[in-house]
Amino acid sequence: MKALRFYVRFLPSFTAIGYVARGLPLRAFGADFTGQTWLVTGATGGIGRAVAMEAADAGANVIAVGRRSDPLEELATASGGRIAAVQADLSSIEANQNLARRYPDVNVLINNVGILEATHALTTEGFGRMYATNLLGHYALTSGLLRHGVLADGLIVNITSGGAYNAMLNLAGLDAPPESFNGFTAYASQKRAQIALADHWNHEFPRLQAYAMHPGWVRTEGVRGSLAWMDRRIGTILRTPHQGADTIMWLAAARPTPVLDAIWFDRAPRTAHAYRSTRRPLATTGGLVARLEQDLARTGAS
C-alpha cells in the first residue's frame, strides 16, 4: 500500500503529464556548448544517450561511456563523429579511476549510470554491484577528476530519482549484505546520497556548480527491465528520453545558483523531502564522504 500511494501521488507530476502541464515543450532555451568537453556515463541508451546527442548537437565534444559496445558504436556513428565512445564497466572502481586519469580537460560531468536489481550481486572488487555502479563509482570518477585539477570551475549533474524521497541519508542501506539486501531500499539510499554529494562538492569547490537532478519517470530499457509493471501499465505516459534529459540540458545552459538540499526537477529546485521522516538523517554528509573514501581505500584507489 505504501508503494501504491507513492506511485499514485507522483504519477501526474513525474510522467509526461507533468512535463507538458508545466509548459516545458513551449519554453525553448538556447544552448551553445562549443568548446566544452562533456563526459556522460551510462550513455548506451535512454537519458544518457539523449544527453550525449543533444550536447553534441549544441557543439560539445562528448565522451560517451557505457558497458555495451554495439550501442556505443551506433551512438558514435549517429553523431557523425562528434561523440567519442568509450567502453567501460562502471561498476568497477578501477575503471572509474582510469577514466579520471585519462581525460584531463572535462568541463561537464553527467553522473547518469545507474541500475536497480532485485537480487544482490558482488563486483570483483567486493562491493555490491548496485552500490558500486550507482554511488561509489560516481564518487570515484568525480573525486578523481577533482583531485587531478579537473572540473574545479566546471559543472556536475548527479542523476538522482524520486526514489530518494523514500530514504533519509544513511550508511547502512548503501551496500547492505546479501541477507538484508533489498534493491528498492538500496536504490533509495544511494539516490539520497547523490543529493548530499552535490552539496558536498559545492561546499568544497566554490567555483564548481553541482546539481542533483530528477528526470521524472522515463521510458527506458532500464525501466522495462527492472520495473516491467510500470512500462506495461503506464508506459504510454512515461517521459521520453528527450524529456528526461531536458533539465540536464537546461542546467548546463543556464547555470543557476545551486540550492542546498534540493532536487532540480523540470527546470526548478524542488524539495528533497516529500516526507518529514527523511528530514531526520541517520548520517551526516561528512560521514558519507568518509565512508566512500574508506571504500576507495580498500581498492587502493583513494
Protein backbone atom coordinates (compact mmCIF):
# COMPACT_ATOMS: atom_id res chain seq x y z
CA MET A 1 0.00 0.00 0.00
CA LYS A 2 2.88 2.37 0.76
CA ALA A 3 4.33 1.78 -2.71
CA LEU A 4 0.92 2.22 -4.32
CA ARG A 5 0.38 5.54 -2.53
CA PHE A 6 3.82 6.70 -3.65
CA TYR A 7 3.19 5.95 -7.32
CA VAL A 8 -0.33 7.39 -7.31
CA ARG A 9 0.84 10.57 -5.57
CA PHE A 10 3.62 11.35 -8.03
CA LEU A 11 2.20 9.96 -11.28
CA PRO A 12 0.74 13.28 -12.55
CA SER A 13 3.98 15.16 -11.88
CA PHE A 14 6.70 12.67 -12.76
CA THR A 15 5.24 11.41 -16.04
CA ALA A 16 4.92 13.27 -19.34
CA ILE A 17 1.70 14.76 -17.96
CA GLY A 18 3.71 16.96 -15.60
CA TYR A 19 6.24 17.86 -18.27
CA VAL A 20 3.50 19.11 -20.58
CA ALA A 21 1.42 20.72 -17.83
CA ARG A 22 4.39 22.87 -16.79
CA GLY A 23 4.61 24.14 -20.36
CA LEU A 24 8.17 22.96 -20.91
CA PRO A 25 7.64 21.99 -24.57
CA LEU A 26 6.83 25.65 -25.26
CA ARG A 27 9.72 27.09 -23.23
CA ALA A 28 12.66 26.76 -25.58
CA PHE A 29 16.10 27.79 -24.34
CA GLY A 30 19.30 28.40 -26.23
CA ALA A 31 22.27 26.12 -25.60
CA ASP A 32 25.74 26.62 -27.02
CA PHE A 33 28.32 24.23 -25.61
CA THR A 34 31.00 24.91 -28.19
CA GLY A 35 34.45 24.32 -26.75
CA GLN A 36 33.17 22.28 -23.80
CA THR A 37 34.11 18.67 -23.14
CA TRP A 38 31.34 16.56 -21.64
CA LEU A 39 31.76 13.15 -20.03
CA VAL A 40 28.45 11.26 -19.90
CA THR A 41 28.18 7.89 -18.13
CA GLY A 42 25.56 5.30 -18.94
CA ALA A 43 25.35 6.64 -22.48
CA THR A 44 24.33 3.48 -24.34
CA GLY A 45 20.63 4.32 -24.18
CA GLY A 46 17.85 6.25 -22.54
CA ILE A 47 18.65 9.53 -20.82
CA GLY A 48 22.42 9.17 -21.22
CA ARG A 49 22.16 8.72 -24.97
CA ALA A 50 19.79 11.68 -25.27
CA VAL A 51 22.16 13.90 -23.27
CA ALA A 52 25.17 12.85 -25.34
CA MET A 53 23.39 13.54 -28.63
CA GLU A 54 21.90 16.87 -27.54
CA ALA A 55 25.20 18.12 -26.09
CA ALA A 56 27.00 17.18 -29.32
CA ASP A 57 24.29 18.90 -31.37
CA ALA A 58 24.95 22.05 -29.31
CA GLY A 59 28.66 21.97 -30.08
CA ALA A 60 30.18 20.00 -27.20
CA ASN A 61 32.90 17.40 -27.52
CA VAL A 62 31.27 14.41 -25.87
CA ILE A 63 32.88 11.38 -24.26
CA ALA A 64 30.14 8.77 -24.00
CA VAL A 65 30.88 5.93 -21.60
CA GLY A 66 28.98 2.66 -21.37
CA ARG A 67 29.37 -1.08 -20.98
CA ARG A 68 27.96 -2.34 -24.29
CA SER A 69 30.00 -1.87 -27.43
CA ASP A 70 27.28 -2.10 -30.10
CA PRO A 71 25.09 0.75 -28.80
CA LEU A 72 28.19 2.86 -28.24
CA GLU A 73 29.34 2.34 -31.80
CA GLU A 74 25.84 3.18 -33.06
CA LEU A 75 25.84 6.36 -30.97
CA ALA A 76 29.22 7.47 -32.32
CA THR A 77 28.06 6.79 -35.88
CA ALA A 78 24.74 8.61 -35.38
CA SER A 79 26.60 11.66 -34.10
CA GLY A 80 28.69 11.92 -37.24
CA GLY A 81 31.90 11.57 -35.28
CA ARG A 82 31.12 14.26 -32.72
CA ILE A 83 30.92 11.71 -29.91
CA ALA A 84 33.87 9.61 -28.70
CA ALA A 85 32.57 6.25 -27.46
CA VAL A 86 34.42 4.64 -24.55
CA GLN A 87 33.58 1.13 -23.38
CA ALA A 88 33.95 0.60 -19.63
CA ASP A 89 32.30 -1.35 -16.82
CA LEU A 90 31.30 1.47 -14.49
CA SER A 91 30.70 -0.90 -11.59
CA SER A 92 34.50 -1.16 -11.47
CA ILE A 93 36.18 1.42 -9.26
CA GLU A 94 39.41 0.89 -11.13
CA ALA A 95 37.65 1.66 -14.42
CA ASN A 96 36.26 4.89 -13.00
CA GLN A 97 39.69 5.92 -11.72
CA ASN A 98 41.21 5.16 -15.11
CA LEU A 99 38.64 7.45 -16.74
CA ALA A 100 39.54 10.23 -14.32
CA ARG A 101 43.21 9.91 -15.25
CA ARG A 102 42.54 9.59 -18.97
CA TYR A 103 40.58 12.83 -19.50
CA PRO A 104 42.30 15.94 -18.09
CA ASP A 105 40.03 18.54 -19.71
CA VAL A 106 36.43 17.68 -18.76
CA ASN A 107 34.16 20.69 -18.25
CA VAL A 108 30.85 18.93 -17.65
CA LEU A 109 30.34 15.57 -15.92
CA ILE A 110 26.98 13.81 -16.08
CA ASN A 111 26.83 11.03 -13.47
CA ASN A 112 23.98 9.20 -15.15
CA VAL A 113 24.74 5.48 -14.99
CA GLY A 114 22.51 3.59 -12.57
CA ILE A 115 20.89 0.20 -12.05
CA LEU A 116 18.09 -1.30 -9.97
CA GLU A 117 18.39 -5.01 -9.23
CA ALA A 118 16.16 -7.39 -7.32
CA THR A 119 18.97 -9.67 -6.14
CA HIS A 120 22.33 -8.97 -4.58
CA ALA A 121 25.43 -9.29 -6.73
CA LEU A 122 29.08 -8.61 -5.94
CA THR A 123 31.67 -6.94 -8.14
CA THR A 124 35.14 -8.41 -8.48
CA GLU A 125 36.32 -5.68 -6.08
CA GLY A 126 33.97 -6.94 -3.38
CA PHE A 127 31.23 -4.30 -3.43
CA GLY A 128 27.54 -4.71 -4.10
CA ARG A 129 27.02 -4.08 -7.80
CA MET A 130 24.29 -1.50 -7.25
CA TYR A 131 26.37 0.41 -4.72
CA ALA A 132 29.44 0.37 -6.93
CA THR A 133 27.52 1.48 -10.02
CA ASN A 134 25.11 3.99 -8.51
CA LEU A 135 27.29 5.73 -5.94
CA LEU A 136 30.84 4.59 -5.23
CA GLY A 137 31.76 4.63 -8.92
CA HIS A 138 30.28 8.12 -9.32
CA TYR A 139 32.31 9.28 -6.36
CA ALA A 140 35.50 7.62 -7.60
CA LEU A 141 35.18 9.25 -11.02
CA THR A 142 34.20 12.68 -9.74
CA SER A 143 36.69 12.88 -6.88
CA GLY A 144 39.39 11.54 -9.19
CA LEU A 145 38.77 14.32 -11.71
CA LEU A 146 38.72 16.92 -8.95
CA ARG A 147 41.96 15.61 -7.44
CA HIS A 148 43.59 15.95 -10.84
CA GLY A 149 42.54 19.60 -11.02
CA VAL A 150 39.71 18.94 -13.45
CA LEU A 151 36.17 20.30 -13.02
CA ALA A 152 37.13 22.80 -10.30
CA ASP A 153 35.22 25.51 -12.17
CA GLY A 154 33.00 23.16 -14.18
CA LEU A 155 29.62 21.52 -13.78
CA ILE A 156 28.46 18.20 -12.32
CA VAL A 157 24.97 16.75 -12.61
CA ASN A 158 24.08 13.72 -10.50
CA ILE A 159 21.03 11.97 -11.93
CA THR A 160 19.02 11.11 -8.86
CA SER A 161 15.44 9.81 -8.64
CA GLY A 162 12.13 10.32 -6.94
CA GLY A 163 13.06 7.10 -5.17
CA ALA A 164 15.28 9.24 -2.94
CA TYR A 165 12.11 10.50 -1.27
CA ASN A 166 11.78 7.09 0.37
CA ALA A 167 15.04 7.19 2.35
CA MET A 168 16.78 9.52 4.73
CA LEU A 169 20.54 9.92 4.41
CA ASN A 170 22.02 6.74 5.87
CA LEU A 171 25.02 4.46 5.53
CA ALA A 172 23.58 1.04 6.34
CA GLY A 173 21.37 0.89 3.25
CA LEU A 174 24.08 1.85 0.77
CA ASP A 175 25.71 -1.57 0.48
CA ALA A 176 23.76 -4.00 2.64
CA PRO A 177 24.93 -7.63 2.80
CA PRO A 178 23.03 -10.30 0.84
CA GLU A 179 20.97 -11.45 3.83
CA SER A 180 19.43 -7.99 4.35
CA PHE A 181 19.60 -6.67 0.80
CA ASN A 182 16.54 -5.00 -0.70
CA GLY A 183 17.01 -3.47 -4.12
CA PHE A 184 14.48 -0.68 -3.63
CA THR A 185 15.92 0.28 -0.23
CA ALA A 186 19.44 0.30 -1.65
CA TYR A 187 18.37 2.36 -4.66
CA ALA A 188 16.59 4.94 -2.49
CA SER A 189 19.57 5.22 -0.13
CA GLN A 190 22.05 5.60 -2.97
CA LYS A 191 19.93 8.23 -4.71
CA ARG A 192 19.57 10.16 -1.44
CA ALA A 193 23.36 10.09 -1.09
CA GLN A 194 23.75 11.64 -4.54
CA ILE A 195 21.94 14.74 -3.30
CA ALA A 196 24.29 15.05 -0.33
CA LEU A 197 27.33 14.65 -2.58
CA ALA A 198 26.21 17.52 -4.83
CA ASP A 199 26.03 19.75 -1.75
CA HIS A 200 29.42 18.48 -0.57
CA TRP A 201 31.14 19.31 -3.87
CA ASN A 202 29.59 22.77 -3.98
CA HIS A 203 30.89 23.45 -0.49
CA GLU A 204 34.40 22.12 -1.13
CA PHE A 205 34.85 23.75 -4.56
CA PRO A 206 33.28 27.23 -4.58
CA ARG A 207 33.73 27.75 -8.34
CA LEU A 208 32.12 24.41 -9.13
CA GLN A 209 28.40 24.03 -9.80
CA ALA A 210 26.98 20.65 -8.79
CA TYR A 211 23.34 19.64 -9.00
CA ALA A 212 21.24 16.61 -8.12
CA MET A 213 18.63 16.32 -10.85
CA HIS A 214 15.49 14.16 -11.13
CA PRO A 215 14.49 13.34 -14.74
CA GLY A 216 10.99 12.13 -13.89
CA TRP A 217 9.77 8.68 -14.88
CA VAL A 218 11.28 7.94 -18.26
CA ARG A 219 10.57 5.05 -20.61
CA THR A 220 13.98 3.37 -20.97
CA GLU A 221 15.44 -0.11 -21.25
CA GLY A 222 16.27 0.10 -17.55
CA VAL A 223 12.65 0.71 -16.62
CA ARG A 224 11.50 -2.12 -18.87
CA GLY A 225 13.98 -4.45 -17.22
CA SER A 226 13.64 -3.53 -13.55
CA LEU A 227 10.12 -2.04 -13.39
CA ALA A 228 8.31 -4.00 -16.09
CA TRP A 229 4.94 -3.36 -14.47
CA MET A 230 5.46 0.40 -14.86
CA ASP A 231 6.30 0.07 -18.52
CA ARG A 232 3.32 -2.24 -19.02
CA ARG A 233 0.72 -0.22 -17.08
CA ILE A 234 1.69 3.42 -17.67
CA GLY A 235 4.28 3.18 -20.42
CA THR A 236 2.27 5.40 -22.73
CA ILE A 237 2.54 8.36 -20.34
CA LEU A 238 6.13 7.89 -19.23
CA ARG A 239 8.52 10.61 -20.37
CA THR A 240 10.65 10.23 -23.45
CA PRO A 241 14.45 10.24 -23.01
CA HIS A 242 14.47 13.74 -24.52
CA GLN A 243 12.01 14.93 -21.87
CA GLY A 244 14.05 13.21 -19.17
CA ALA A 245 17.19 14.99 -20.38
CA ASP A 246 15.53 18.41 -20.58
CA THR A 247 16.51 19.73 -17.15
CA ILE A 248 20.07 18.42 -17.51
CA MET A 249 20.50 20.45 -20.68
CA TRP A 250 18.82 23.47 -19.11
CA LEU A 251 21.12 23.34 -16.07
CA ALA A 252 24.17 23.20 -18.32
CA ALA A 253 22.93 26.17 -20.35
CA ALA A 254 21.51 28.36 -17.56
CA ARG A 255 23.94 27.50 -14.71
CA PRO A 256 21.57 28.60 -11.91
CA THR A 257 22.95 29.09 -8.41
CA PRO A 258 22.97 25.70 -6.63
CA VAL A 259 20.44 25.29 -3.83
CA LEU A 260 21.27 23.36 -0.67
CA ASP A 261 19.44 20.07 -0.15
CA ALA A 262 17.38 20.38 -3.33
CA ILE A 263 16.44 18.20 -6.28
CA TRP A 264 16.29 20.03 -9.61
CA PHE A 265 13.22 18.87 -11.48
CA ASP A 266 11.56 20.41 -14.53
CA ARG A 267 13.95 23.38 -14.52
CA ALA A 268 13.45 24.39 -10.88
CA PRO A 269 14.81 23.41 -7.47
CA ARG A 270 12.31 21.26 -5.58
CA THR A 271 12.31 19.99 -2.04
CA ALA A 272 14.40 16.90 -1.45
CA HIS A 273 11.92 15.76 1.20
CA ALA A 274 8.44 14.66 0.25
CA TYR A 275 8.07 13.07 3.71
CA ARG A 276 9.02 14.54 7.07
CA SER A 277 10.83 11.37 8.12
CA THR A 278 13.67 11.92 5.65
CA ARG A 279 14.49 15.27 7.26
CA ARG A 280 15.93 13.31 10.21
CA PRO A 281 19.09 11.77 8.70
CA LEU A 282 20.87 8.79 10.19
CA ALA A 283 24.21 10.02 8.85
CA THR A 284 25.96 13.28 8.06
CA THR A 285 27.37 14.30 4.71
CA GLY A 286 30.80 14.17 6.30
CA GLY A 287 30.13 10.62 7.44
CA LEU A 288 29.01 9.66 3.93
CA VAL A 289 32.18 11.07 2.36
CA ALA A 290 34.33 9.31 4.96
CA ARG A 291 32.58 6.02 4.16
CA LEU A 292 33.14 6.46 0.44
CA GLU A 293 36.81 7.36 0.96
CA GLN A 294 37.22 4.30 3.18
CA ASP A 295 35.78 2.07 0.47
CA LEU A 296 38.01 3.66 -2.16
CA ALA A 297 40.98 2.92 0.06
CA ARG A 298 40.03 -0.74 0.04
CA THR A 299 40.71 -0.78 -3.69
CA GLY A 300 43.87 1.29 -3.44
CA ALA A 301 42.11 3.98 -5.48
CA SER A 302 41.78 6.81 -2.94
